Amino acid sequence: MAEPPSRTAFVVLIVITLVAAGGLAGFAYYHSRPGSPPSVLTAQFGGNATVNYIGYFGSGPDSGRVFDTSIYSVAVNNASYPKSVGFKYRGSEASYTPLGVYIGPNAPTSGYAIGNDTFVSVVTGFWEGLIGLRGNQSHTIVVPPDLGYGPQDPACLRTLPLTYTLPVIHTLSASAFAAQYVGVTPLTGVTFPDPDYGWNVTILAANSSFVTIENLPSVGYVASPAGWPVLVSAIAGTPNGAGTITLVNELTPGEAGHLLGTDFNHTGPCTSSTNDQFIVSAVDPTAGTYTENFNEEVQGQVLIFVVTVIDIFPPPPGVVG
């Protein structure tokens, strides 16, 4: 018959069992204890983000109107999102995608790519307003002119008379005729419509050096060379038979800031003007003048951006804020 285990051996067995159990419990706790919550990724200086945005004017005659957006449904909805005079519709829905923004001032001019996304520089007030935002977070950013597109350039303003005259009979060089009346063969007796005013023009004489034309409007005729009505108010003859045509720009003060014009003579006052377009920024019937503003519409204005961050990306190697 075997002897029963001693009391000492029994105590040692209990201790070993408790220690083993404690070790297993500690192992289980270590691996199941609550971890630290993951940090929330936010847009940071030197990083990148893709964002949707709606840009509104916060000042000027188009205050409260949308001047640009990355969202197609906003672009096509003029009832809920009235547009500024200079708003440019991009076309198809595929043309409206989130904007890739480098959050800092020194991105390459042409931008750079991370995967399928291209990131570009934007005005200071825009990228500064993204710092600290999380993905899917919306925010309103107010950008003053000094953090946006800067002040207006006075050199890009041109003030002209509301009433002006053109000659009935006009002689111009053959090269000037070719530039002004593209595609018209300079032959005596040829009649054609003026490309800007629409009235008939007849060639009175032509040679290899000069062409003489006669403008043939009637009093009361209304043209629209720049984008608004221009009335032929009088046609006066002169003793030598030359004569003058008096025209009146039919503009009102209420249209100032809301009317886009075309510089059909291509004589804009500053090199920053694009596509020969300007905004009629002032109409002064008392002075008998109006002002063409060739500055970009966003210059000199407070801008309000409603932005939604879509994704956040770290900076690519070699790009430093």
C-alpha atoms as a PDB file:
ATOM      1  CA  MET A   1       0.000   0.000   0.000  1.00  0.00           C
ATOM      2  CA  ALA A   2       1.404   3.346  -1.018  1.00  0.00           C
ATOM      3  CA  GLU A   3       2.055   6.003   1.525  1.00  0.00           C
ATOM      4  CA  PRO A   4      -0.085   9.168   1.354  1.00  0.00           C
ATOM      5  CA  PRO A   5       1.734  12.322   0.277  1.00  0.00           C
ATOM      6  CA  SER A   6       3.247  14.312   3.050  1.00  0.00           C
ATOM      7  CA  ARG A   7       1.612  17.562   4.250  1.00  0.00           C
ATOM      8  CA  THR A   8       4.576  19.559   3.011  1.00  0.00           C
ATOM      9  CA  ALA A   9       4.299  18.213  -0.536  1.00  0.00           C
ATOM     10  CA  PHE A  10       0.590  19.014  -0.587  1.00  0.00           C
ATOM     11  CA  VAL A  11       1.181  22.653   0.408  1.00  0.00           C
ATOM     12  CA  VAL A  12       3.840  23.039  -2.288  1.00  0.00           C
ATOM     13  CA  LEU A  13       1.425  21.707  -4.909  1.00  0.00           C
ATOM     14  CA  ILE A  14      -1.224  24.260  -3.933  1.00  0.00           C
ATOM     15  CA  VAL A  15       1.264  27.140  -4.151  1.00  0.00           C
ATOM     16  CA  ILE A  16       2.447  26.071  -7.584  1.00  0.00           C
ATOM     17  CA  THR A  17      -1.158  25.843  -8.797  1.00  0.00           C
ATOM     18  CA  LEU A  18      -2.028  29.329  -7.518  1.00  0.00           C
ATOM     19  CA  VAL A  19       1.051  30.866  -9.099  1.00  0.00           C
ATOM     20  CA  ALA A  20       0.303  29.273 -12.443  1.00  0.00           C
ATOM     21  CA  ALA A  21      -3.302  30.403 -12.296  1.00  0.00           C
ATOM     22  CA  GLY A  22      -2.238  33.944 -11.452  1.00  0.00           C
ATOM     23  CA  GLY A  23       0.164  34.012 -14.362  1.00  0.00           C
ATOM     24  CA  LEU A  24      -2.513  32.904 -16.800  1.00  0.00           C
ATOM     25  CA  ALA A  25      -4.937  35.481 -15.428  1.00  0.00           C
ATOM     26  CA  GLY A  26      -2.324  38.212 -15.801  1.00  0.00           C
ATOM     27  CA  PHE A  27      -1.609  37.136 -19.385  1.00  0.00           C
ATOM     28  CA  ALA A  28      -5.320  37.196 -20.204  1.00  0.00           C
ATOM     29  CA  TYR A  29      -5.775  40.656 -18.660  1.00  0.00           C
ATOM     30  CA  TYR A  30      -2.782  42.115 -20.522  1.00  0.00           C
ATOM     31  CA  HIS A  31      -4.134  41.039 -23.864  1.00  0.00           C
ATOM     32  CA  SER A  32      -7.777  41.920 -23.198  1.00  0.00           C
ATOM     33  CA  ARG A  33      -7.464  45.174 -21.298  1.00  0.00           C
ATOM     34  CA  PRO A  34      -8.978  48.269 -23.055  1.00  0.00           C
ATOM     35  CA  GLY A  35      -6.397  49.906 -25.327  1.00  0.00           C
ATOM     36  CA  SER A  36      -5.920  53.673 -25.817  1.00  0.00           C
ATOM     37  CA  PRO A  37      -8.450  55.020 -28.306  1.00  0.00           C
ATOM     38  CA  PRO A  38      -6.899  55.589 -31.771  1.00  0.00           C
ATOM     39  CA  SER A  39      -5.889  59.210 -32.415  1.00  0.00           C
ATOM     40  CA  VAL A  40      -8.217  61.143 -34.751  1.00  0.00           C
ATOM     41  CA  LEU A  41      -6.425  62.154 -37.957  1.00  0.00           C
ATOM     42  CA  THR A  42      -6.683  65.889 -38.610  1.00  0.00           C
ATOM     43  CA  ALA A  43      -5.501  68.153 -41.385  1.00  0.00           C
ATOM     44  CA  GLN A  44      -2.094  69.529 -40.472  1.00  0.00           C
ATOM     45  CA  PHE A  45       0.348  72.073 -41.843  1.00  0.00           C
ATOM     46  CA  GLY A  46       2.476  70.414 -44.522  1.00  0.00           C
ATOM     47  CA  GLY A  47      -0.107  67.715 -45.153  1.00  0.00           C
ATOM     48  CA  ASN A  48      -2.798  67.333 -47.776  1.00  0.00           C
ATOM     49  CA  ALA A  49      -6.555  67.027 -47.918  1.00  0.00           C
ATOM     50  CA  THR A  50      -9.250  66.519 -50.492  1.00  0.00           C
ATOM     51  CA  VAL A  51     -12.199  68.807 -49.867  1.00  0.00           C
ATOM     52  CA  ASN A  52     -15.548  69.743 -51.324  1.00  0.00           C
ATOM     53  CA  TYR A  53     -16.325  73.436 -51.157  1.00  0.00           C
ATOM     54  CA  ILE A  54     -18.861  76.132 -51.958  1.00  0.00           C
ATOM     55  CA  GLY A  55     -17.382  79.611 -52.388  1.00  0.00           C
ATOM     56  CA  TYR A  56     -19.617  82.618 -51.651  1.00  0.00           C
ATOM     57  CA  PHE A  57     -18.910  86.323 -51.832  1.00  0.00           C
ATOM     58  CA  GLY A  58     -18.921  87.928 -48.407  1.00  0.00           C
ATOM     59  CA  SER A  59     -18.747  91.474 -49.777  1.00  0.00           C
ATOM     60  CA  GLY A  60     -19.411  93.476 -52.917  1.00  0.00           C
ATOM     61  CA  PRO A  61     -22.472  93.649 -55.180  1.00  0.00           C
ATOM     62  CA  ASP A  62     -22.694  89.846 -55.453  1.00  0.00           C
ATOM     63  CA  SER A  63     -22.497  89.258 -51.694  1.00  0.00           C
ATOM     64  CA  GLY A  64     -24.127  85.927 -50.790  1.00  0.00           C
ATOM     65  CA  ARG A  65     -23.830  84.522 -54.307  1.00  0.00           C
ATOM     66  CA  VAL A  66     -21.754  81.491 -55.279  1.00  0.00           C
ATOM     67  CA  PHE A  67     -18.664  82.222 -57.374  1.00  0.00           C
ATOM     68  CA  ASP A  68     -17.246  78.670 -57.473  1.00  0.00           C
ATOM     69  CA  THR A  69     -17.903  75.144 -56.189  1.00  0.00           C
ATOM     70  CA  SER A  70     -16.602  71.603 -56.496  1.00  0.00           C
ATOM     71  CA  ILE A  71     -20.120  70.154 -56.152  1.00  0.00           C
ATOM     72  CA  TYR A  72     -22.154  69.492 -59.291  1.00  0.00           C
ATOM     73  CA  SER A  73     -25.562  69.657 -57.570  1.00  0.00           C
ATOM     74  CA  VAL A  74     -24.696  73.141 -56.317  1.00  0.00           C
ATOM     75  CA  ALA A  75     -23.421  74.272 -59.712  1.00  0.00           C
ATOM     76  CA  VAL A  76     -26.671  73.396 -61.489  1.00  0.00           C
ATOM     77  CA  ASN A  77     -29.043  74.627 -58.750  1.00  0.00           C
ATOM     78  CA  ASN A  78     -29.456  78.354 -59.284  1.00  0.00           C
ATOM     79  CA  ALA A  79     -32.633  78.562 -57.201  1.00  0.00           C
ATOM     80  CA  SER A  80     -31.000  77.487 -53.933  1.00  0.00           C
ATOM     81  CA  TYR A  81     -27.508  78.674 -54.878  1.00  0.00           C
ATOM     82  CA  PRO A  82     -27.743  81.892 -56.925  1.00  0.00           C
ATOM     83  CA  LYS A  83     -24.547  82.542 -58.825  1.00  0.00           C
ATOM     84  CA  SER A  84     -22.321  85.578 -59.189  1.00  0.00           C
ATOM     85  CA  VAL A  85     -21.956  87.315 -62.532  1.00  0.00           C
ATOM     86  CA  GLY A  86     -18.543  85.730 -63.088  1.00  0.00           C
ATOM     87  CA  PHE A  87     -19.485  82.152 -62.145  1.00  0.00           C
ATOM     88  CA  LYS A  88     -18.139  79.712 -64.732  1.00  0.00           C
ATOM     89  CA  TYR A  89     -20.074  76.484 -65.225  1.00  0.00           C
ATOM     90  CA  ARG A  90     -17.650  73.620 -65.925  1.00  0.00           C
ATOM     91  CA  GLY A  91     -20.024  71.407 -67.884  1.00  0.00           C
ATOM     92  CA  SER A  92     -20.571  67.732 -67.124  1.00  0.00           C
ATOM     93  CA  GLU A  93     -20.881  66.192 -63.666  1.00  0.00           C
ATOM     94  CA  ALA A  94     -17.518  64.486 -64.199  1.00  0.00           C
ATOM     95  CA  SER A  95     -15.890  67.936 -64.137  1.00  0.00           C
ATOM     96  CA  TYR A  96     -16.894  68.403 -60.497  1.00  0.00           C
ATOM     97  CA  THR A  97     -14.638  66.525 -58.068  1.00  0.00           C
ATOM     98  CA  PRO A  98     -13.163  67.234 -54.617  1.00  0.00           C
ATOM     99  CA  LEU A  99     -10.232  69.634 -54.668  1.00  0.00           C
ATOM    100  CA  GLY A 100      -6.817  68.323 -53.619  1.00  0.00           C
ATOM    101  CA  VAL A 101      -5.259  70.944 -51.331  1.00  0.00           C
ATOM    102  CA  TYR A 102      -1.701  71.193 -50.105  1.00  0.00           C
ATOM    103  CA  ILE A 103      -1.944  72.644 -46.580  1.00  0.00           C
ATOM    104  CA  GLY A 104       0.830  75.180 -46.770  1.00  0.00           C
ATOM    105  CA  PRO A 105       2.276  77.897 -49.012  1.00  0.00           C
ATOM    106  CA  ASN A 106       5.014  76.111 -50.955  1.00  0.00           C
ATOM    107  CA  ALA A 107       3.542  73.362 -53.119  1.00  0.00           C
ATOM    108  CA  PRO A 108       4.919  73.129 -56.669  1.00  0.00           C
ATOM    109  CA  THR A 109       3.064  75.435 -59.033  1.00  0.00           C
ATOM    110  CA  SER A 110       1.731  72.543 -61.076  1.00  0.00           C
ATOM    111  CA  GLY A 111       0.877  70.534 -57.958  1.00  0.00           C
ATOM    112  CA  TYR A 112       1.906  66.949 -57.275  1.00  0.00           C
ATOM    113  CA  ALA A 113       0.185  63.583 -57.151  1.00  0.00           C
ATOM    114  CA  ILE A 114      -0.441  61.096 -54.367  1.00  0.00           C
ATOM    115  CA  GLY A 115      -2.016  58.036 -55.913  1.00  0.00           C
ATOM    116  CA  ASN A 116      -4.835  59.234 -58.151  1.00  0.00           C
ATOM    117  CA  ASP A 117      -5.170  62.618 -56.423  1.00  0.00           C
ATOM    118  CA  THR A 118      -3.402  65.840 -57.413  1.00  0.00           C
ATOM    119  CA  PHE A 119      -2.726  68.449 -54.744  1.00  0.00           C
ATOM    120  CA  VAL A 120      -2.253  72.146 -55.496  1.00  0.00           C
ATOM    121  CA  SER A 121      -1.615  75.409 -53.714  1.00  0.00           C
ATOM    122  CA  VAL A 122      -4.605  77.536 -52.744  1.00  0.00           C
ATOM    123  CA  VAL A 123      -4.916  81.004 -51.219  1.00  0.00           C
ATOM    124  CA  THR A 124      -3.549  81.336 -47.688  1.00  0.00           C
ATOM    125  CA  GLY A 125      -6.879  81.854 -45.949  1.00  0.00           C
ATOM    126  CA  PHE A 126      -8.281  78.656 -47.473  1.00  0.00           C
ATOM    127  CA  TRP A 127      -5.508  76.255 -46.426  1.00  0.00           C
ATOM    128  CA  GLU A 128      -5.107  77.897 -43.014  1.00  0.00           C
ATOM    129  CA  GLY A 129      -8.816  77.299 -42.402  1.00  0.00           C
ATOM    130  CA  LEU A 130      -8.385  73.550 -42.994  1.00  0.00           C
ATOM    131  CA  ILE A 131      -5.838  73.019 -40.204  1.00  0.00           C
ATOM    132  CA  GLY A 132      -7.276  70.899 -37.402  1.00  0.00           C
ATOM    133  CA  LEU A 133     -10.298  69.660 -39.347  1.00  0.00           C
ATOM    134  CA  ARG A 134     -11.143  65.939 -39.370  1.00  0.00           C
ATOM    135  CA  GLY A 135     -12.347  63.788 -42.234  1.00  0.00           C
ATOM    136  CA  ASN A 136     -16.044  64.309 -43.064  1.00  0.00           C
ATOM    137  CA  GLN A 137     -16.034  67.500 -40.995  1.00  0.00           C
ATOM    138  CA  SER A 138     -17.590  70.654 -42.442  1.00  0.00           C
ATOM    139  CA  HIS A 139     -16.485  74.157 -41.592  1.00  0.00           C
ATOM    140  CA  THR A 140     -16.988  77.742 -42.749  1.00  0.00           C
ATOM    141  CA  ILE A 141     -13.836  79.682 -43.622  1.00  0.00           C
ATOM    142  CA  VAL A 142     -13.902  83.483 -43.995  1.00  0.00           C
ATOM    143  CA  VAL A 143     -11.050  84.785 -46.152  1.00  0.00           C
ATOM    144  CA  PRO A 144     -10.290  88.550 -46.235  1.00  0.00           C
ATOM    145  CA  PRO A 145      -8.666  89.981 -49.390  1.00  0.00           C
ATOM    146  CA  ASP A 146      -5.159  90.004 -47.889  1.00  0.00           C
ATOM    147  CA  LEU A 147      -5.385  86.228 -47.321  1.00  0.00           C
ATOM    148  CA  GLY A 148      -7.234  85.647 -50.579  1.00  0.00           C
ATOM    149  CA  TYR A 149      -6.678  87.131 -54.019  1.00  0.00           C
ATOM    150  CA  GLY A 150      -5.418  90.504 -52.882  1.00  0.00           C
ATOM    151  CA  PRO A 151      -6.726  93.999 -53.646  1.00  0.00           C
ATOM    152  CA  GLN A 152      -8.022  95.180 -56.978  1.00  0.00           C
ATOM    153  CA  ASP A 153      -5.480  96.714 -59.357  1.00  0.00           C
ATOM    154  CA  PRO A 154      -6.556 100.263 -60.279  1.00  0.00           C
ATOM    155  CA  ALA A 155      -4.734  99.852 -63.604  1.00  0.00           C
ATOM    156  CA  CYS A 156      -7.365  97.268 -64.581  1.00  0.00           C
ATOM    157  CA  LEU A 157     -10.228  99.785 -64.389  1.00  0.00           C
ATOM    158  CA  ARG A 158     -11.329 101.766 -67.428  1.00  0.00           C
ATOM    159  CA  THR A 159     -13.943 104.532 -67.363  1.00  0.00           C
ATOM    160  CA  LEU A 160     -15.687 105.346 -70.655  1.00  0.00           C
ATOM    161  CA  PRO A 161     -18.479 107.710 -71.752  1.00  0.00           C
ATOM    162  CA  LEU A 162     -22.028 106.408 -71.908  1.00  0.00           C
ATOM    163  CA  THR A 163     -22.479 108.315 -75.182  1.00  0.00           C
ATOM    164  CA  TYR A 164     -19.917 108.044 -77.958  1.00  0.00           C
ATOM    165  CA  THR A 165     -19.629 108.465 -81.734  1.00  0.00           C
ATOM    166  CA  LEU A 166     -18.402 106.501 -84.719  1.00  0.00           C
ATOM    167  CA  PRO A 167     -17.760 107.843 -88.224  1.00  0.00           C
ATOM    168  CA  VAL A 168     -20.220 107.086 -91.014  1.00  0.00           C
ATOM    169  CA  ILE A 169     -17.328 106.887 -93.476  1.00  0.00           C
ATOM    170  CA  HIS A 170     -14.018 105.491 -92.316  1.00  0.00           C
ATOM    171  CA  THR A 171     -10.704 104.794 -94.061  1.00  0.00           C
ATOM    172  CA  LEU A 172      -8.332 102.215 -92.610  1.00  0.00           C
ATOM    173  CA  SER A 173      -5.223 100.397 -93.741  1.00  0.00           C
ATOM    174  CA  ALA A 174      -5.567  97.126 -95.607  1.00  0.00           C
ATOM    175  CA  SER A 175      -4.026  95.247 -92.654  1.00  0.00           C
ATOM    176  CA  ALA A 176      -6.376  96.927 -90.162  1.00  0.00           C
ATOM    177  CA  PHE A 177      -9.347  96.100 -92.400  1.00  0.00           C
ATOM    178  CA  ALA A 178      -8.285  92.436 -92.532  1.00  0.00           C
ATOM    179  CA  ALA A 179      -7.963  92.283 -88.742  1.00  0.00           C
ATOM    180  CA  GLN A 180     -11.300  93.988 -88.042  1.00  0.00           C
ATOM    181  CA  TYR A 181     -13.358  92.346 -90.785  1.00  0.00           C
ATOM    182  CA  VAL A 182     -11.990  88.813 -90.844  1.00  0.00           C
ATOM    183  CA  GLY A 183     -12.824  86.876 -93.987  1.00  0.00           C
ATOM    184  CA  VAL A 184     -14.198  89.848 -95.952  1.00  0.00           C
ATOM    185  CA  THR A 185     -12.610  90.423 -99.351  1.00  0.00           C
ATOM    186  CA  PRO A 186     -11.911  94.172 -99.761  1.00  0.00           C
ATOM    187  CA  LEU A 187     -13.640  94.863-103.107  1.00  0.00           C
ATOM    188  CA  THR A 188     -15.447  98.090-104.004  1.00  0.00           C
ATOM    189  CA  GLY A 189     -19.221  97.716-103.697  1.00  0.00           C
ATOM    190  CA  VAL A 190     -19.182  94.704-101.352  1.00  0.00           C
ATOM    191  CA  THR A 191     -21.725  94.952 -98.503  1.00  0.00           C
ATOM    192  CA  PHE A 192     -21.457  92.839 -95.342  1.00  0.00           C
ATOM    193  CA  PRO A 193     -22.687  92.919 -91.703  1.00  0.00           C
ATOM    194  CA  ASP A 194     -20.429  94.564 -89.142  1.00  0.00           C
ATOM    195  CA  PRO A 195     -19.174  91.743 -86.856  1.00  0.00           C
ATOM    196  CA  ASP A 196     -19.641  93.806 -83.677  1.00  0.00           C
ATOM    197  CA  TYR A 197     -22.627  96.080 -84.296  1.00  0.00           C
ATOM    198  CA  GLY A 198     -24.517  94.004 -86.841  1.00  0.00           C
ATOM    199  CA  TRP A 199     -25.472  96.866 -89.183  1.00  0.00           C
ATOM    200  CA  ASN A 200     -24.532  96.785 -92.868  1.00  0.00           C
ATOM    201  CA  VAL A 201     -21.175  98.082 -94.052  1.00  0.00           C
ATOM    202  CA  THR A 202     -20.373  98.915 -97.675  1.00  0.00           C
ATOM    203  CA  ILE A 203     -16.880  99.184 -99.155  1.00  0.00           C
ATOM    204  CA  LEU A 204     -16.667 102.500-101.032  1.00  0.00           C
ATOM    205  CA  ALA A 205     -13.091 102.105-102.281  1.00  0.00           C
ATOM    206  CA  ALA A 206     -10.292  99.592-101.874  1.00  0.00           C
ATOM    207  CA  ASN A 207      -6.691  99.122-103.018  1.00  0.00           C
ATOM    208  CA  SER A 208      -3.647  97.264-101.741  1.00  0.00           C
ATOM    209  CA  SER A 209      -2.941  99.916 -99.104  1.00  0.00           C
ATOM    210  CA  PHE A 210      -6.267 101.329 -97.887  1.00  0.00           C
ATOM    211  CA  VAL A 211      -9.958 100.494 -97.665  1.00  0.00           C
ATOM    212  CA  THR A 212     -12.759 103.054 -97.245  1.00  0.00           C
ATOM    213  CA  ILE A 213     -16.036 101.836 -95.754  1.00  0.00           C
ATOM    214  CA  GLU A 214     -19.456 103.324 -94.994  1.00  0.00           C
ATOM    215  CA  ASN A 215     -21.415 102.288 -91.899  1.00  0.00           C
ATOM    216  CA  LEU A 216     -25.162 102.059 -92.645  1.00  0.00           C
ATOM    217  CA  PRO A 217     -27.210 101.966 -89.430  1.00  0.00           C
ATOM    218  CA  SER A 218     -30.534 103.770 -88.960  1.00  0.00           C
ATOM    219  CA  VAL A 219     -31.642 105.933 -86.041  1.00  0.00           C
ATOM    220  CA  GLY A 220     -33.272 103.713 -83.416  1.00  0.00           C
ATOM    221  CA  TYR A 221     -31.174 100.692 -84.338  1.00  0.00           C
ATOM    222  CA  VAL A 222     -30.059  98.733 -81.244  1.00  0.00           C
ATOM    223  CA  ALA A 223     -26.775  96.841 -81.241  1.00  0.00           C
ATOM    224  CA  SER A 224     -25.116  94.800 -78.499  1.00  0.00           C
ATOM    225  CA  PRO A 225     -21.379  94.794 -79.179  1.00  0.00           C
ATOM    226  CA  ALA A 226     -20.234  94.342 -75.571  1.00  0.00           C
ATOM    227  CA  GLY A 227     -23.189  92.475 -74.091  1.00  0.00           C
ATOM    228  CA  TRP A 228     -25.822  95.148 -73.379  1.00  0.00           C
ATOM    229  CA  PRO A 229     -28.042  97.371 -75.571  1.00  0.00           C
ATOM    230  CA  VAL A 230     -26.409 100.257 -77.426  1.00  0.00           C
ATOM    231  CA  LEU A 231     -28.843 102.630 -79.162  1.00  0.00           C
ATOM    232  CA  VAL A 232     -28.144 104.579 -82.345  1.00  0.00           C
ATOM    233  CA  SER A 233     -29.615 107.900 -81.190  1.00  0.00           C
ATOM    234  CA  ALA A 234     -28.573 110.144 -84.104  1.00  0.00           C
ATOM    235  CA  ILE A 235     -26.765 110.206 -87.427  1.00  0.00           C
ATOM    236  CA  ALA A 236     -25.382 113.589 -88.412  1.00  0.00           C
ATOM    237  CA  GLY A 237     -23.966 114.613 -91.774  1.00  0.00           C
ATOM    238  CA  THR A 238     -21.072 117.001 -92.272  1.00  0.00           C
ATOM    239  CA  PRO A 239     -20.279 119.357 -95.162  1.00  0.00           C
ATOM    240  CA  ASN A 240     -17.671 116.952 -96.520  1.00  0.00           C
ATOM    241  CA  GLY A 241     -20.146 114.089 -96.357  1.00  0.00           C
ATOM    242  CA  ALA A 242     -18.334 112.190 -93.618  1.00  0.00           C
ATOM    243  CA  GLY A 243     -20.928 112.264 -90.842  1.00  0.00           C
ATOM    244  CA  THR A 244     -21.034 110.742 -87.360  1.00  0.00           C
ATOM    245  CA  ILE A 245     -23.137 108.078 -85.681  1.00  0.00           C
ATOM    246  CA  THR A 246     -24.099 108.804 -82.059  1.00  0.00           C
ATOM    247  CA  LEU A 247     -24.506 105.766 -79.825  1.00  0.00           C
ATOM    248  CA  VAL A 248     -25.760 105.518 -76.234  1.00  0.00           C
ATOM    249  CA  ASN A 249     -24.876 102.698 -73.863  1.00  0.00           C
ATOM    250  CA  GLU A 250     -28.193 101.793 -72.222  1.00  0.00           C
ATOM    251  CA  LEU A 251     -26.865 101.043 -68.753  1.00  0.00           C
ATOM    252  CA  THR A 252     -28.384 101.786 -65.332  1.00  0.00           C
ATOM    253  CA  PRO A 253     -26.702 102.170 -61.909  1.00  0.00           C
ATOM    254  CA  GLY A 254     -28.552  99.086 -60.677  1.00  0.00           C
ATOM    255  CA  GLU A 255     -26.677  96.933 -63.183  1.00  0.00           C
ATOM    256  CA  ALA A 256     -23.289  97.867 -61.745  1.00  0.00           C
ATOM    257  CA  GLY A 257     -21.542  94.778 -60.437  1.00  0.00           C
ATOM    258  CA  HIS A 258     -24.055  92.422 -62.067  1.00  0.00           C
ATOM    259  CA  LEU A 259     -23.197  92.748 -65.746  1.00  0.00           C
ATOM    260  CA  LEU A 260     -20.473  90.890 -67.599  1.00  0.00           C
ATOM    261  CA  GLY A 261     -19.096  92.566 -70.714  1.00  0.00           C
ATOM    262  CA  THR A 262     -16.860  91.617 -73.631  1.00  0.00           C
ATOM    263  CA  ASP A 263     -13.999  93.823 -74.775  1.00  0.00           C
ATOM    264  CA  PHE A 264     -14.840  93.402 -78.461  1.00  0.00           C
ATOM    265  CA  ASN A 265     -12.161  95.891 -79.505  1.00  0.00           C
ATOM    266  CA  HIS A 266      -9.492  93.918 -77.593  1.00  0.00           C
ATOM    267  CA  THR A 267      -8.114  97.054 -75.969  1.00  0.00           C
ATOM    268  CA  GLY A 268      -8.323  96.023 -72.290  1.00  0.00           C
ATOM    269  CA  PRO A 269      -6.243  98.187 -69.948  1.00  0.00           C
ATOM    270  CA  CYS A 270      -4.242  95.516 -68.113  1.00  0.00           C
ATOM    271  CA  THR A 271      -2.389  92.336 -68.921  1.00  0.00           C
ATOM    272  CA  SER A 272      -4.206  90.385 -66.193  1.00  0.00           C
ATOM    273  CA  SER A 273      -7.490  90.502 -68.101  1.00  0.00           C
ATOM    274  CA  THR A 274      -8.498  87.162 -69.617  1.00  0.00           C
ATOM    275  CA  ASN A 275     -10.843  86.238 -72.450  1.00  0.00           C
ATOM    276  CA  ASP A 276     -11.522  89.950 -73.108  1.00  0.00           C
ATOM    277  CA  GLN A 277     -14.105  89.937 -70.294  1.00  0.00           C
ATOM    278  CA  PHE A 278     -14.836  92.539 -67.640  1.00  0.00           C
ATOM    279  CA  ILE A 279     -17.517  93.478 -65.146  1.00  0.00           C
ATOM    280  CA  VAL A 280     -19.403  96.757 -65.416  1.00  0.00           C
ATOM    281  CA  SER A 281     -18.563  97.961 -61.917  1.00  0.00           C
ATOM    282  CA  ALA A 282     -20.051 101.479 -61.989  1.00  0.00           C
ATOM    283  CA  VAL A 283     -22.618 103.479 -63.963  1.00  0.00           C
ATOM    284  CA  ASP A 284     -22.812 107.240 -63.352  1.00  0.00           C
ATOM    285  CA  PRO A 285     -25.549 108.944 -65.410  1.00  0.00           C
ATOM    286  CA  THR A 286     -24.689 112.321 -63.869  1.00  0.00           C
ATOM    287  CA  ALA A 287     -21.094 112.144 -65.055  1.00  0.00           C
ATOM    288  CA  GLY A 288     -22.194 110.325 -68.204  1.00  0.00           C
ATOM    289  CA  THR A 289     -19.732 107.471 -67.651  1.00  0.00           C
ATOM    290  CA  TYR A 290     -19.478 103.795 -66.837  1.00  0.00           C
ATOM    291  CA  THR A 291     -16.528 101.724 -65.608  1.00  0.00           C
ATOM    292  CA  GLU A 292     -15.181  98.460 -66.962  1.00  0.00           C
ATOM    293  CA  ASN A 293     -13.388  96.371 -64.333  1.00  0.00           C
ATOM    294  CA  PHE A 294     -10.893  93.864 -65.772  1.00  0.00           C
ATOM    295  CA  ASN A 295      -9.800  92.581 -62.353  1.00  0.00           C
ATOM    296  CA  GLU A 296     -10.705  89.013 -61.437  1.00  0.00           C
ATOM    297  CA  GLU A 297     -14.092  89.045 -59.718  1.00  0.00           C
ATOM    298  CA  VAL A 298     -12.602  87.623 -56.495  1.00  0.00           C
ATOM    299  CA  GLN A 299      -9.994  90.379 -56.133  1.00  0.00           C
ATOM    300  CA  GLY A 300     -10.645  92.841 -53.340  1.00  0.00           C
ATOM    301  CA  GLN A 301     -13.531  90.819 -51.889  1.00  0.00           C
ATOM    302  CA  VAL A 302     -14.172  88.906 -48.669  1.00  0.00           C
ATOM    303  CA  LEU A 303     -14.703  85.252 -49.590  1.00  0.00           C
ATOM    304  CA  ILE A 304     -16.648  82.656 -47.608  1.00  0.00           C
ATOM    305  CA  PHE A 305     -15.922  78.968 -48.172  1.00  0.00           C
ATOM    306  CA  VAL A 306     -18.110  76.198 -46.788  1.00  0.00           C
ATOM    307  CA  VAL A 307     -15.761  73.208 -46.890  1.00  0.00           C
ATOM    308  CA  THR A 308     -16.081  69.501 -46.115  1.00  0.00           C
ATOM    309  CA  VAL A 309     -12.903  67.487 -45.678  1.00  0.00           C
ATOM    310  CA  ILE A 310     -13.114  64.173 -47.552  1.00  0.00           C
ATOM    311  CA  ASP A 311      -9.693  62.554 -46.983  1.00  0.00           C
ATOM    312  CA  ILE A 312      -6.445  63.525 -45.280  1.00  0.00           C
ATOM    313  CA  PHE A 313      -2.986  62.508 -46.540  1.00  0.00           C
ATOM    314  CA  PRO A 314       0.551  63.001 -45.213  1.00  0.00           C
ATOM    315  CA  PRO A 315       2.951  65.094 -47.295  1.00  0.00           C
ATOM    316  CA  PRO A 316       4.921  63.303 -50.004  1.00  0.00           C
ATOM    317  CA  PRO A 317       8.705  62.980 -49.582  1.00  0.00           C
ATOM    318  CA  GLY A 318      10.574  66.147 -50.412  1.00  0.00           C
ATOM    319  CA  VAL A 319       7.577  68.525 -50.072  1.00  0.00           C
ATOM    320  CA  VAL A 320       8.018  70.797 -47.052  1.00  0.00           C
ATOM    321  CA  GLY A 321       5.576  73.423 -45.858  1.00  0.00           C
END
